[in-house]
mmCIF file of all heavy atoms, coordinates in Angstrom:
data_MODEL
# 
_entry.id   MODEL 
# 
loop_
_atom_site.group_PDB 
_atom_site.id 
_atom_site.type_symbol 
_atom_site.label_atom_id 
_atom_site.label_alt_id 
_atom_site.label_comp_id 
_atom_site.label_asym_id 
_atom_site.label_entity_id 
_atom_site.label_seq_id 
_atom_site.pdbx_PDB_ins_code 
_atom_site.Cartn_x 
_atom_site.Cartn_y 
_atom_site.Cartn_z 
_atom_site.occupancy 
_atom_site.B_iso_or_equiv 
_atom_site.pdbx_formal_charge 
_atom_site.auth_seq_id 
_atom_site.auth_comp_id 
_atom_site.auth_asym_id 
_atom_site.auth_atom_id 
_atom_site.pdbx_PDB_model_num 
ATOM 1   N N   . ALA A 1 1  ? 90.908  94.126  103.737 1.00 0.00 ? 1  ALA A N   1 
ATOM 2   C CA  . ALA A 1 1  ? 91.327  92.745  103.959 1.00 0.00 ? 1  ALA A CA  1 
ATOM 3   C C   . ALA A 1 1  ? 91.946  92.560  105.349 1.00 0.00 ? 1  ALA A C   1 
ATOM 4   O O   . ALA A 1 1  ? 91.801  91.500  105.957 1.00 0.00 ? 1  ALA A O   1 
ATOM 5   C CB  . ALA A 1 1  ? 92.323  92.319  102.885 1.00 0.00 ? 1  ALA A CB  1 
ATOM 6   N N   . SER A 1 2  ? 92.618  93.580  105.835 1.00 0.00 ? 2  SER A N   1 
ATOM 7   C CA  . SER A 1 2  ? 93.267  93.464  107.144 1.00 0.00 ? 2  SER A CA  1 
ATOM 8   C C   . SER A 1 2  ? 92.304  93.749  108.295 1.00 0.00 ? 2  SER A C   1 
ATOM 9   O O   . SER A 1 2  ? 92.661  93.568  109.456 1.00 0.00 ? 2  SER A O   1 
ATOM 10  C CB  . SER A 1 2  ? 94.466  94.415  107.233 1.00 0.00 ? 2  SER A CB  1 
ATOM 11  O OG  . SER A 1 2  ? 94.025  95.763  107.243 1.00 0.00 ? 2  SER A OG  1 
ATOM 12  N N   . GLY A 1 3  ? 91.094  94.212  107.972 1.00 0.00 ? 3  GLY A N   1 
ATOM 13  C CA  . GLY A 1 3  ? 90.110  94.490  109.019 1.00 0.00 ? 3  GLY A CA  1 
ATOM 14  C C   . GLY A 1 3  ? 90.403  95.738  109.824 1.00 0.00 ? 3  GLY A C   1 
ATOM 15  O O   . GLY A 1 3  ? 90.012  95.822  110.983 1.00 0.00 ? 3  GLY A O   1 
ATOM 16  N N   . ALA A 1 4  ? 91.095  96.690  109.224 1.00 0.00 ? 4  ALA A N   1 
ATOM 17  C CA  . ALA A 1 4  ? 91.438  97.936  109.930 1.00 0.00 ? 4  ALA A CA  1 
ATOM 18  C C   . ALA A 1 4  ? 90.173  98.690  110.340 1.00 0.00 ? 4  ALA A C   1 
ATOM 19  O O   . ALA A 1 4  ? 89.175  98.684  109.620 1.00 0.00 ? 4  ALA A O   1 
ATOM 20  C CB  . ALA A 1 4  ? 92.307  98.805  109.043 1.00 0.00 ? 4  ALA A CB  1 
ATOM 21  N N   . ALA A 1 5  ? 90.246  99.334  111.481 1.00 0.00 ? 5  ALA A N   1 
ATOM 22  C CA  . ALA A 1 5  ? 89.115  100.124 111.963 1.00 0.00 ? 5  ALA A CA  1 
ATOM 23  C C   . ALA A 1 5  ? 89.004  101.417 111.170 1.00 0.00 ? 5  ALA A C   1 
ATOM 24  O O   . ALA A 1 5  ? 89.979  101.916 110.623 1.00 0.00 ? 5  ALA A O   1 
ATOM 25  C CB  . ALA A 1 5  ? 89.301  100.441 113.443 1.00 0.00 ? 5  ALA A CB  1 
ATOM 26  N N   . GLY A 1 6  ? 87.817  101.953 111.089 1.00 0.00 ? 6  GLY A N   1 
ATOM 27  C CA  . GLY A 1 6  ? 87.607  103.217 110.394 1.00 0.00 ? 6  GLY A CA  1 
ATOM 28  C C   . GLY A 1 6  ? 87.209  103.008 108.942 1.00 0.00 ? 6  GLY A C   1 
ATOM 29  O O   . GLY A 1 6  ? 86.992  101.888 108.486 1.00 0.00 ? 6  GLY A O   1 
ATOM 30  N N   . ASP A 1 7  ? 87.110  104.106 108.220 1.00 0.00 ? 7  ASP A N   1 
ATOM 31  C CA  . ASP A 1 7  ? 86.713  104.085 106.815 1.00 0.00 ? 7  ASP A CA  1 
ATOM 32  C C   . ASP A 1 7  ? 87.952  103.849 105.949 1.00 0.00 ? 7  ASP A C   1 
ATOM 33  O O   . ASP A 1 7  ? 88.809  104.731 105.854 1.00 0.00 ? 7  ASP A O   1 
ATOM 34  C CB  . ASP A 1 7  ? 86.059  105.422 106.456 1.00 0.00 ? 7  ASP A CB  1 
ATOM 35  C CG  . ASP A 1 7  ? 85.592  105.505 105.023 1.00 0.00 ? 7  ASP A CG  1 
ATOM 36  O OD1 . ASP A 1 7  ? 85.672  104.489 104.300 1.00 0.00 ? 7  ASP A OD1 1 
ATOM 37  O OD2 . ASP A 1 7  ? 85.130  106.590 104.621 1.00 0.00 ? 7  ASP A OD2 1 
ATOM 38  N N   . PRO A 1 8  ? 88.067  102.697 105.298 1.00 0.00 ? 8  PRO A N   1 
ATOM 39  C CA  . PRO A 1 8  ? 89.270  102.388 104.515 1.00 0.00 ? 8  PRO A CA  1 
ATOM 40  C C   . PRO A 1 8  ? 89.522  103.373 103.373 1.00 0.00 ? 8  PRO A C   1 
ATOM 41  O O   . PRO A 1 8  ? 90.665  103.723 103.104 1.00 0.00 ? 8  PRO A O   1 
ATOM 42  C CB  . PRO A 1 8  ? 89.013  100.984 103.973 1.00 0.00 ? 8  PRO A CB  1 
ATOM 43  C CG  . PRO A 1 8  ? 87.942  100.415 104.810 1.00 0.00 ? 8  PRO A CG  1 
ATOM 44  C CD  . PRO A 1 8  ? 87.152  101.575 105.327 1.00 0.00 ? 8  PRO A CD  1 
ATOM 45  N N   . GLU A 1 9  ? 88.455  103.844 102.716 1.00 0.00 ? 9  GLU A N   1 
ATOM 46  C CA  . GLU A 1 9  ? 88.649  104.782 101.610 1.00 0.00 ? 9  GLU A CA  1 
ATOM 47  C C   . GLU A 1 9  ? 89.189  106.115 102.124 1.00 0.00 ? 9  GLU A C   1 
ATOM 48  O O   . GLU A 1 9  ? 90.093  106.696 101.537 1.00 0.00 ? 9  GLU A O   1 
ATOM 49  C CB  . GLU A 1 9  ? 87.352  104.993 100.835 1.00 0.00 ? 9  GLU A CB  1 
ATOM 50  C CG  . GLU A 1 9  ? 87.569  105.764 99.549  1.00 0.00 ? 9  GLU A CG  1 
ATOM 51  C CD  . GLU A 1 9  ? 86.342  105.770 98.668  1.00 0.00 ? 9  GLU A CD  1 
ATOM 52  O OE1 . GLU A 1 9  ? 86.060  104.740 98.037  1.00 0.00 ? 9  GLU A OE1 1 
ATOM 53  O OE2 . GLU A 1 9  ? 85.669  106.828 98.627  1.00 0.00 ? 9  GLU A OE2 1 
ATOM 54  N N   . GLN A 1 10 ? 88.650  106.577 103.226 1.00 0.00 ? 10 GLN A N   1 
ATOM 55  C CA  . GLN A 1 10 ? 89.133  107.830 103.808 1.00 0.00 ? 10 GLN A CA  1 
ATOM 56  C C   . GLN A 1 10 ? 90.588  107.704 104.255 1.00 0.00 ? 10 GLN A C   1 
ATOM 57  O O   . GLN A 1 10 ? 91.402  108.606 104.052 1.00 0.00 ? 10 GLN A O   1 
ATOM 58  C CB  . GLN A 1 10 ? 88.268  108.223 105.005 1.00 0.00 ? 10 GLN A CB  1 
ATOM 59  C CG  . GLN A 1 10 ? 88.705  109.507 105.652 1.00 0.00 ? 10 GLN A CG  1 
ATOM 60  C CD  . GLN A 1 10 ? 87.639  110.547 105.607 1.00 0.00 ? 10 GLN A CD  1 
ATOM 61  O OE1 . GLN A 1 10 ? 86.478  110.236 105.416 1.00 0.00 ? 10 GLN A OE1 1 
ATOM 62  N NE2 . GLN A 1 10 ? 88.024  111.777 105.766 1.00 0.00 ? 10 GLN A NE2 1 
ATOM 63  N N   . GLN A 1 11 ? 90.937  106.575 104.868 1.00 0.00 ? 11 GLN A N   1 
ATOM 64  C CA  . GLN A 1 11 ? 92.316  106.357 105.289 1.00 0.00 ? 11 GLN A CA  1 
ATOM 65  C C   . GLN A 1 11 ? 93.261  106.292 104.088 1.00 0.00 ? 11 GLN A C   1 
ATOM 66  O O   . GLN A 1 11 ? 94.380  106.794 104.144 1.00 0.00 ? 11 GLN A O   1 
ATOM 67  C CB  . GLN A 1 11 ? 92.420  105.068 106.105 1.00 0.00 ? 11 GLN A CB  1 
ATOM 68  C CG  . GLN A 1 11 ? 91.762  105.161 107.450 1.00 0.00 ? 11 GLN A CG  1 
ATOM 69  C CD  . GLN A 1 11 ? 91.776  103.836 108.193 1.00 0.00 ? 11 GLN A CD  1 
ATOM 70  O OE1 . GLN A 1 11 ? 92.107  102.804 107.636 1.00 0.00 ? 11 GLN A OE1 1 
ATOM 71  N NE2 . GLN A 1 11 ? 91.413  103.877 109.464 1.00 0.00 ? 11 GLN A NE2 1 
ATOM 72  N N   . SER A 1 12 ? 92.791  105.699 102.994 1.00 0.00 ? 12 SER A N   1 
ATOM 73  C CA  . SER A 1 12 ? 93.599  105.614 101.779 1.00 0.00 ? 12 SER A CA  1 
ATOM 74  C C   . SER A 1 12 ? 93.825  106.990 101.163 1.00 0.00 ? 12 SER A C   1 
ATOM 75  O O   . SER A 1 12 ? 94.931  107.314 100.720 1.00 0.00 ? 12 SER A O   1 
ATOM 76  C CB  . SER A 1 12 ? 92.930  104.693 100.761 1.00 0.00 ? 12 SER A CB  1 
ATOM 77  O OG  . SER A 1 12 ? 92.792  103.399 101.273 1.00 0.00 ? 12 SER A OG  1 
ATOM 78  N N   . LEU A 1 13 ? 92.795  107.812 101.146 1.00 0.00 ? 13 LEU A N   1 
ATOM 79  C CA  . LEU A 1 13 ? 92.953  109.179 100.627 1.00 0.00 ? 13 LEU A CA  1 
ATOM 80  C C   . LEU A 1 13 ? 93.877  109.989 101.535 1.00 0.00 ? 13 LEU A C   1 
ATOM 81  O O   . LEU A 1 13 ? 94.665  110.803 101.043 1.00 0.00 ? 13 LEU A O   1 
ATOM 82  C CB  . LEU A 1 13 ? 91.588  109.855 100.504 1.00 0.00 ? 13 LEU A CB  1 
ATOM 83  C CG  . LEU A 1 13 ? 90.709  109.341 99.366  1.00 0.00 ? 13 LEU A CG  1 
ATOM 84  C CD1 . LEU A 1 13 ? 89.282  109.832 99.521  1.00 0.00 ? 13 LEU A CD1 1 
ATOM 85  C CD2 . LEU A 1 13 ? 91.281  109.745 98.019  1.00 0.00 ? 13 LEU A CD2 1 
ATOM 86  N N   . THR A 1 14 ? 93.809  109.753 102.827 1.00 0.00 ? 14 THR A N   1 
ATOM 87  C CA  . THR A 1 14 ? 94.716  110.420 103.760 1.00 0.00 ? 14 THR A CA  1 
ATOM 88  C C   . THR A 1 14 ? 96.162  110.028 103.470 1.00 0.00 ? 14 THR A C   1 
ATOM 89  O O   . THR A 1 14 ? 97.058  110.876 103.460 1.00 0.00 ? 14 THR A O   1 
ATOM 90  C CB  . THR A 1 14 ? 94.339  110.082 105.208 1.00 0.00 ? 14 THR A CB  1 
ATOM 91  O OG1 . THR A 1 14 ? 93.014  110.511 105.458 1.00 0.00 ? 14 THR A OG1 1 
ATOM 92  C CG2 . THR A 1 14 ? 95.286  110.739 106.195 1.00 0.00 ? 14 THR A CG2 1 
ATOM 93  N N   . SER A 1 15 ? 96.387  108.746 103.205 1.00 0.00 ? 15 SER A N   1 
ATOM 94  C CA  . SER A 1 15 ? 97.740  108.279 102.868 1.00 0.00 ? 15 SER A CA  1 
ATOM 95  C C   . SER A 1 15 ? 98.238  108.923 101.574 1.00 0.00 ? 15 SER A C   1 
ATOM 96  O O   . SER A 1 15 ? 99.406  109.302 101.471 1.00 0.00 ? 15 SER A O   1 
ATOM 97  C CB  . SER A 1 15 ? 97.754  106.757 102.715 1.00 0.00 ? 15 SER A CB  1 
ATOM 98  O OG  . SER A 1 15 ? 97.488  106.132 103.934 1.00 0.00 ? 15 SER A OG  1 
ATOM 99  N N   . LEU A 1 16 ? 97.356  109.050 100.590 1.00 0.00 ? 16 LEU A N   1 
ATOM 100 C CA  . LEU A 1 16 ? 97.731  109.717 99.337  1.00 0.00 ? 16 LEU A CA  1 
ATOM 101 C C   . LEU A 1 16 ? 98.138  111.164 99.609  1.00 0.00 ? 16 LEU A C   1 
ATOM 102 O O   . LEU A 1 16 ? 99.173  111.629 99.114  1.00 0.00 ? 16 LEU A O   1 
ATOM 103 C CB  . LEU A 1 16 ? 96.587  109.668 98.329  1.00 0.00 ? 16 LEU A CB  1 
ATOM 104 C CG  . LEU A 1 16 ? 96.833  110.453 97.039  1.00 0.00 ? 16 LEU A CG  1 
ATOM 105 C CD1 . LEU A 1 16 ? 97.913  109.777 96.188  1.00 0.00 ? 16 LEU A CD1 1 
ATOM 106 C CD2 . LEU A 1 16 ? 95.554  110.619 96.248  1.00 0.00 ? 16 LEU A CD2 1 
ATOM 107 N N   . CYS A 1 17 ? 97.347  111.871 100.401 1.00 0.00 ? 17 CYS A N   1 
ATOM 108 C CA  . CYS A 1 17 ? 97.662  113.269 100.701 1.00 0.00 ? 17 CYS A CA  1 
ATOM 109 C C   . CYS A 1 17 ? 98.988  113.393 101.452 1.00 0.00 ? 17 CYS A C   1 
ATOM 110 O O   . CYS A 1 17 ? 99.766  114.317 101.184 1.00 0.00 ? 17 CYS A O   1 
ATOM 111 C CB  . CYS A 1 17 ? 96.534  113.899 101.512 1.00 0.00 ? 17 CYS A CB  1 
ATOM 112 S SG  . CYS A 1 17 ? 95.013  114.117 100.566 1.00 0.00 ? 17 CYS A SG  1 
ATOM 113 N N   . GLN A 1 18 ? 99.262  112.467 102.344 1.00 0.00 ? 18 GLN A N   1 
ATOM 114 C CA  . GLN A 1 18 ? 100.540 112.494 103.057 1.00 0.00 ? 18 GLN A CA  1 
ATOM 115 C C   . GLN A 1 18 ? 101.702 112.288 102.094 1.00 0.00 ? 18 GLN A C   1 
ATOM 116 O O   . GLN A 1 18 ? 102.745 112.921 102.229 1.00 0.00 ? 18 GLN A O   1 
ATOM 117 C CB  . GLN A 1 18 ? 100.551 111.430 104.160 1.00 0.00 ? 18 GLN A CB  1 
ATOM 118 C CG  . GLN A 1 18 ? 99.664  111.785 105.318 1.00 0.00 ? 18 GLN A CG  1 
ATOM 119 C CD  . GLN A 1 18 ? 99.520  110.653 106.320 1.00 0.00 ? 18 GLN A CD  1 
ATOM 120 O OE1 . GLN A 1 18 ? 99.819  109.501 106.031 1.00 0.00 ? 18 GLN A OE1 1 
ATOM 121 N NE2 . GLN A 1 18 ? 99.051  111.000 107.504 1.00 0.00 ? 18 GLN A NE2 1 
ATOM 122 N N   . GLN A 1 19 ? 101.519 111.411 101.118 1.00 0.00 ? 19 GLN A N   1 
ATOM 123 C CA  . GLN A 1 19 ? 102.567 111.210 100.115 1.00 0.00 ? 19 GLN A CA  1 
ATOM 124 C C   . GLN A 1 19 ? 102.763 112.466 99.269  1.00 0.00 ? 19 GLN A C   1 
ATOM 125 O O   . GLN A 1 19 ? 103.896 112.825 98.946  1.00 0.00 ? 19 GLN A O   1 
ATOM 126 C CB  . GLN A 1 19 ? 102.231 110.029 99.214  1.00 0.00 ? 19 GLN A CB  1 
ATOM 127 C CG  . GLN A 1 19 ? 102.411 108.706 99.879  1.00 0.00 ? 19 GLN A CG  1 
ATOM 128 C CD  . GLN A 1 19 ? 102.225 107.550 98.924  1.00 0.00 ? 19 GLN A CD  1 
ATOM 129 O OE1 . GLN A 1 19 ? 101.742 107.704 97.822  1.00 0.00 ? 19 GLN A OE1 1 
ATOM 130 N NE2 . GLN A 1 19 ? 102.616 106.374 99.363  1.00 0.00 ? 19 GLN A NE2 1 
ATOM 131 N N   . LEU A 1 20 ? 101.668 113.116 98.918  1.00 0.00 ? 20 LEU A N   1 
ATOM 132 C CA  . LEU A 1 20 ? 101.781 114.326 98.089  1.00 0.00 ? 20 LEU A CA  1 
ATOM 133 C C   . LEU A 1 20 ? 102.555 115.425 98.817  1.00 0.00 ? 20 LEU A C   1 
ATOM 134 O O   . LEU A 1 20 ? 103.412 116.084 98.225  1.00 0.00 ? 20 LEU A O   1 
ATOM 135 C CB  . LEU A 1 20 ? 100.393 114.825 97.680  1.00 0.00 ? 20 LEU A CB  1 
ATOM 136 C CG  . LEU A 1 20 ? 99.593  113.934 96.747  1.00 0.00 ? 20 LEU A CG  1 
ATOM 137 C CD1 . LEU A 1 20 ? 98.193  114.508 96.534  1.00 0.00 ? 20 LEU A CD1 1 
ATOM 138 C CD2 . LEU A 1 20 ? 100.299 113.731 95.423  1.00 0.00 ? 20 LEU A CD2 1 
ATOM 139 N N   . ILE A 1 21 ? 102.253 115.621 100.099 1.00 0.00 ? 21 ILE A N   1 
ATOM 140 C CA  . ILE A 1 21 ? 102.930 116.714 100.805 1.00 0.00 ? 21 ILE A CA  1 
ATOM 141 C C   . ILE A 1 21 ? 104.331 116.326 101.274 1.00 0.00 ? 21 ILE A C   1 
ATOM 142 O O   . ILE A 1 21 ? 105.062 117.174 101.761 1.00 0.00 ? 21 ILE A O   1 
ATOM 143 C CB  . ILE A 1 21 ? 102.093 117.263 101.983 1.00 0.00 ? 21 ILE A CB  1 
ATOM 144 C CG1 . ILE A 1 21 ? 101.828 116.188 103.027 1.00 0.00 ? 21 ILE A CG1 1 
ATOM 145 C CG2 . ILE A 1 21 ? 100.800 117.853 101.473 1.00 0.00 ? 21 ILE A CG2 1 
ATOM 146 C CD1 . ILE A 1 21 ? 101.140 116.699 104.281 1.00 0.00 ? 21 ILE A CD1 1 
ATOM 147 N N   . SER A 1 22 ? 104.694 115.070 101.093 1.00 0.00 ? 22 SER A N   1 
ATOM 148 C CA  . SER A 1 22 ? 106.061 114.633 101.418 1.00 0.00 ? 22 SER A CA  1 
ATOM 149 C C   . SER A 1 22 ? 106.965 114.650 100.195 1.00 0.00 ? 22 SER A C   1 
ATOM 150 O O   . SER A 1 22 ? 108.163 114.346 100.305 1.00 0.00 ? 22 SER A O   1 
ATOM 151 C CB  . SER A 1 22 ? 106.037 113.209 101.982 1.00 0.00 ? 22 SER A CB  1 
ATOM 152 O OG  . SER A 1 22 ? 105.348 113.202 103.195 1.00 0.00 ? 22 SER A OG  1 
ATOM 153 N N   . SER A 1 23 ? 106.430 114.990 99.054  1.00 0.00 ? 23 SER A N   1 
ATOM 154 C CA  . SER A 1 23 ? 107.217 114.941 97.807  1.00 0.00 ? 23 SER A CA  1 
ATOM 155 C C   . SER A 1 23 ? 108.054 116.204 97.606  1.00 0.00 ? 23 SER A C   1 
ATOM 156 O O   . SER A 1 23 ? 107.777 117.262 98.186  1.00 0.00 ? 23 SER A O   1 
ATOM 157 C CB  . SER A 1 23 ? 106.270 114.767 96.612  1.00 0.00 ? 23 SER A CB  1 
ATOM 158 O OG  . SER A 1 23 ? 105.571 115.964 96.389  1.00 0.00 ? 23 SER A OG  1 
ATOM 159 N N   . ASN A 1 24 ? 109.050 116.075 96.776  1.00 0.00 ? 24 ASN A N   1 
ATOM 160 C CA  . ASN A 1 24 ? 109.881 117.237 96.445  1.00 0.00 ? 24 ASN A CA  1 
ATOM 161 C C   . ASN A 1 24 ? 109.088 118.303 95.709  1.00 0.00 ? 24 ASN A C   1 
ATOM 162 O O   . ASN A 1 24 ? 109.326 119.492 95.903  1.00 0.00 ? 24 ASN A O   1 
ATOM 163 C CB  . ASN A 1 24 ? 111.068 116.805 95.565  1.00 0.00 ? 24 ASN A CB  1 
ATOM 164 C CG  . ASN A 1 24 ? 112.154 116.160 96.357  1.00 0.00 ? 24 ASN A CG  1 
ATOM 165 O OD1 . ASN A 1 24 ? 112.216 116.299 97.570  1.00 0.00 ? 24 ASN A OD1 1 
ATOM 166 N ND2 . ASN A 1 24 ? 113.014 115.427 95.680  1.00 0.00 ? 24 ASN A ND2 1 
ATOM 167 N N   . GLU A 1 25 ? 108.156 117.887 94.857  1.00 0.00 ? 25 GLU A N   1 
ATOM 168 C CA  . GLU A 1 25 ? 107.385 118.877 94.096  1.00 0.00 ? 25 GLU A CA  1 
ATOM 169 C C   . GLU A 1 25 ? 106.586 119.775 95.049  1.00 0.00 ? 25 GLU A C   1 
ATOM 170 O O   . GLU A 1 25 ? 106.473 120.968 94.812  1.00 0.00 ? 25 GLU A O   1 
ATOM 171 C CB  . GLU A 1 25 ? 106.440 118.182 93.120  1.00 0.00 ? 25 GLU A CB  1 
ATOM 172 C CG  . GLU A 1 25 ? 105.688 119.171 92.240  1.00 0.00 ? 25 GLU A CG  1 
ATOM 173 C CD  . GLU A 1 25 ? 104.862 118.529 91.154  1.00 0.00 ? 25 GLU A CD  1 
ATOM 174 O OE1 . GLU A 1 25 ? 105.025 117.330 90.889  1.00 0.00 ? 25 GLU A OE1 1 
ATOM 175 O OE2 . GLU A 1 25 ? 104.055 119.251 90.549  1.00 0.00 ? 25 GLU A OE2 1 
ATOM 176 N N   . PHE A 1 26 ? 106.049 119.224 96.113  1.00 0.00 ? 26 PHE A N   1 
ATOM 177 C CA  . PHE A 1 26 ? 105.305 120.034 97.073  1.00 0.00 ? 26 PHE A CA  1 
ATOM 178 C C   . PHE A 1 26 ? 106.206 121.063 97.732  1.00 0.00 ? 26 PHE A C   1 
ATOM 179 O O   . PHE A 1 26 ? 105.830 122.208 97.948  1.00 0.00 ? 26 PHE A O   1 
ATOM 180 C CB  . PHE A 1 26 ? 104.657 119.146 98.139  1.00 0.00 ? 26 PHE A CB  1 
ATOM 181 C CG  . PHE A 1 26 ? 103.898 119.923 99.179  1.00 0.00 ? 26 PHE A CG  1 
ATOM 182 C CD1 . PHE A 1 26 ? 102.640 120.435 98.901  1.00 0.00 ? 26 PHE A CD1 1 
ATOM 183 C CD2 . PHE A 1 26 ? 104.452 120.159 100.428 1.00 0.00 ? 26 PHE A CD2 1 
ATOM 184 C CE1 . PHE A 1 26 ? 101.946 121.155 99.855  1.00 0.00 ? 26 PHE A CE1 1 
ATOM 185 C CE2 . PHE A 1 26 ? 103.749 120.875 101.390 1.00 0.00 ? 26 PHE A CE2 1 
ATOM 186 C CZ  . PHE A 1 26 ? 102.509 121.368 101.094 1.00 0.00 ? 26 PHE A CZ  1 
ATOM 187 N N   . LEU A 1 27 ? 107.439 120.688 98.036  1.00 0.00 ? 27 LEU A N   1 
ATOM 188 C CA  . LEU A 1 27 ? 108.351 121.577 98.722  1.00 0.00 ? 27 LEU A CA  1 
ATOM 189 C C   . LEU A 1 27 ? 108.743 122.785 97.871  1.00 0.00 ? 27 LEU A C   1 
ATOM 190 O O   . LEU A 1 27 ? 109.101 123.835 98.396  1.00 0.00 ? 27 LEU A O   1 
ATOM 191 C CB  . LEU A 1 27 ? 109.614 120.822 99.136  1.00 0.00 ? 27 LEU A CB  1 
ATOM 192 C CG  . LEU A 1 27 ? 109.391 119.725 100.171 1.00 0.00 ? 27 LEU A CG  1 
ATOM 193 C CD1 . LEU A 1 27 ? 110.692 118.955 100.398 1.00 0.00 ? 27 LEU A CD1 1 
ATOM 194 C CD2 . LEU A 1 27 ? 108.884 120.290 101.467 1.00 0.00 ? 27 LEU A CD2 1 
ATOM 195 N N   . TYR A 1 28 ? 108.664 122.635 96.542  1.00 0.00 ? 28 TYR A N   1 
ATOM 196 C CA  . TYR A 1 28 ? 109.130 123.694 95.651  1.00 0.00 ? 28 TYR A CA  1 
ATOM 197 C C   . TYR A 1 28 ? 108.021 124.336 94.838  1.00 0.00 ? 28 TYR A C   1 
ATOM 198 O O   . TYR A 1 28 ? 108.263 124.954 93.817  1.00 0.00 ? 28 TYR A O   1 
ATOM 199 C CB  . TYR A 1 28 ? 110.210 123.144 94.708  1.00 0.00 ? 28 TYR A CB  1 
ATOM 200 C CG  . TYR A 1 28 ? 111.410 122.672 95.478  1.00 0.00 ? 28 TYR A CG  1 
ATOM 201 C CD1 . TYR A 1 28 ? 111.665 121.318 95.647  1.00 0.00 ? 28 TYR A CD1 1 
ATOM 202 C CD2 . TYR A 1 28 ? 112.273 123.579 96.085  1.00 0.00 ? 28 TYR A CD2 1 
ATOM 203 C CE1 . TYR A 1 28 ? 112.767 120.876 96.379  1.00 0.00 ? 28 TYR A CE1 1 
ATOM 204 C CE2 . TYR A 1 28 ? 113.382 123.136 96.820  1.00 0.00 ? 28 TYR A CE2 1 
ATOM 205 C CZ  . TYR A 1 28 ? 113.604 121.792 96.953  1.00 0.00 ? 28 TYR A CZ  1 
ATOM 206 O OH  . TYR A 1 28 ? 114.688 121.365 97.683  1.00 0.00 ? 28 TYR A OH  1 
ATOM 207 N N   . VAL A 1 29 ? 106.758 124.253 95.290  1.00 0.00 ? 29 VAL A N   1 
ATOM 208 C CA  . VAL A 1 29 ? 105.659 124.919 94.610  1.00 0.00 ? 29 VAL A CA  1 
ATOM 209 C C   . VAL A 1 29 ? 105.851 126.421 94.742  1.00 0.00 ? 29 VAL A C   1 
ATOM 210 O O   . VAL A 1 29 ? 106.151 126.936 95.814  1.00 0.00 ? 29 VAL A O   1 
ATOM 211 C CB  . VAL A 1 29 ? 104.301 124.474 95.198  1.00 0.00 ? 29 VAL A CB  1 
ATOM 212 C CG1 . VAL A 1 29 ? 103.179 125.340 94.655  1.00 0.00 ? 29 VAL A CG1 1 
ATOM 213 C CG2 . VAL A 1 29 ? 104.035 123.024 94.894  1.00 0.00 ? 29 VAL A CG2 1 
# 
């Protein structure tokens, strides 16, 4: 909707991965 450049699905999955590795659970695996 915002007309962002690039592949929106790939960018969304990248954002998900960034959230996962920023979580406390990731730090204590």
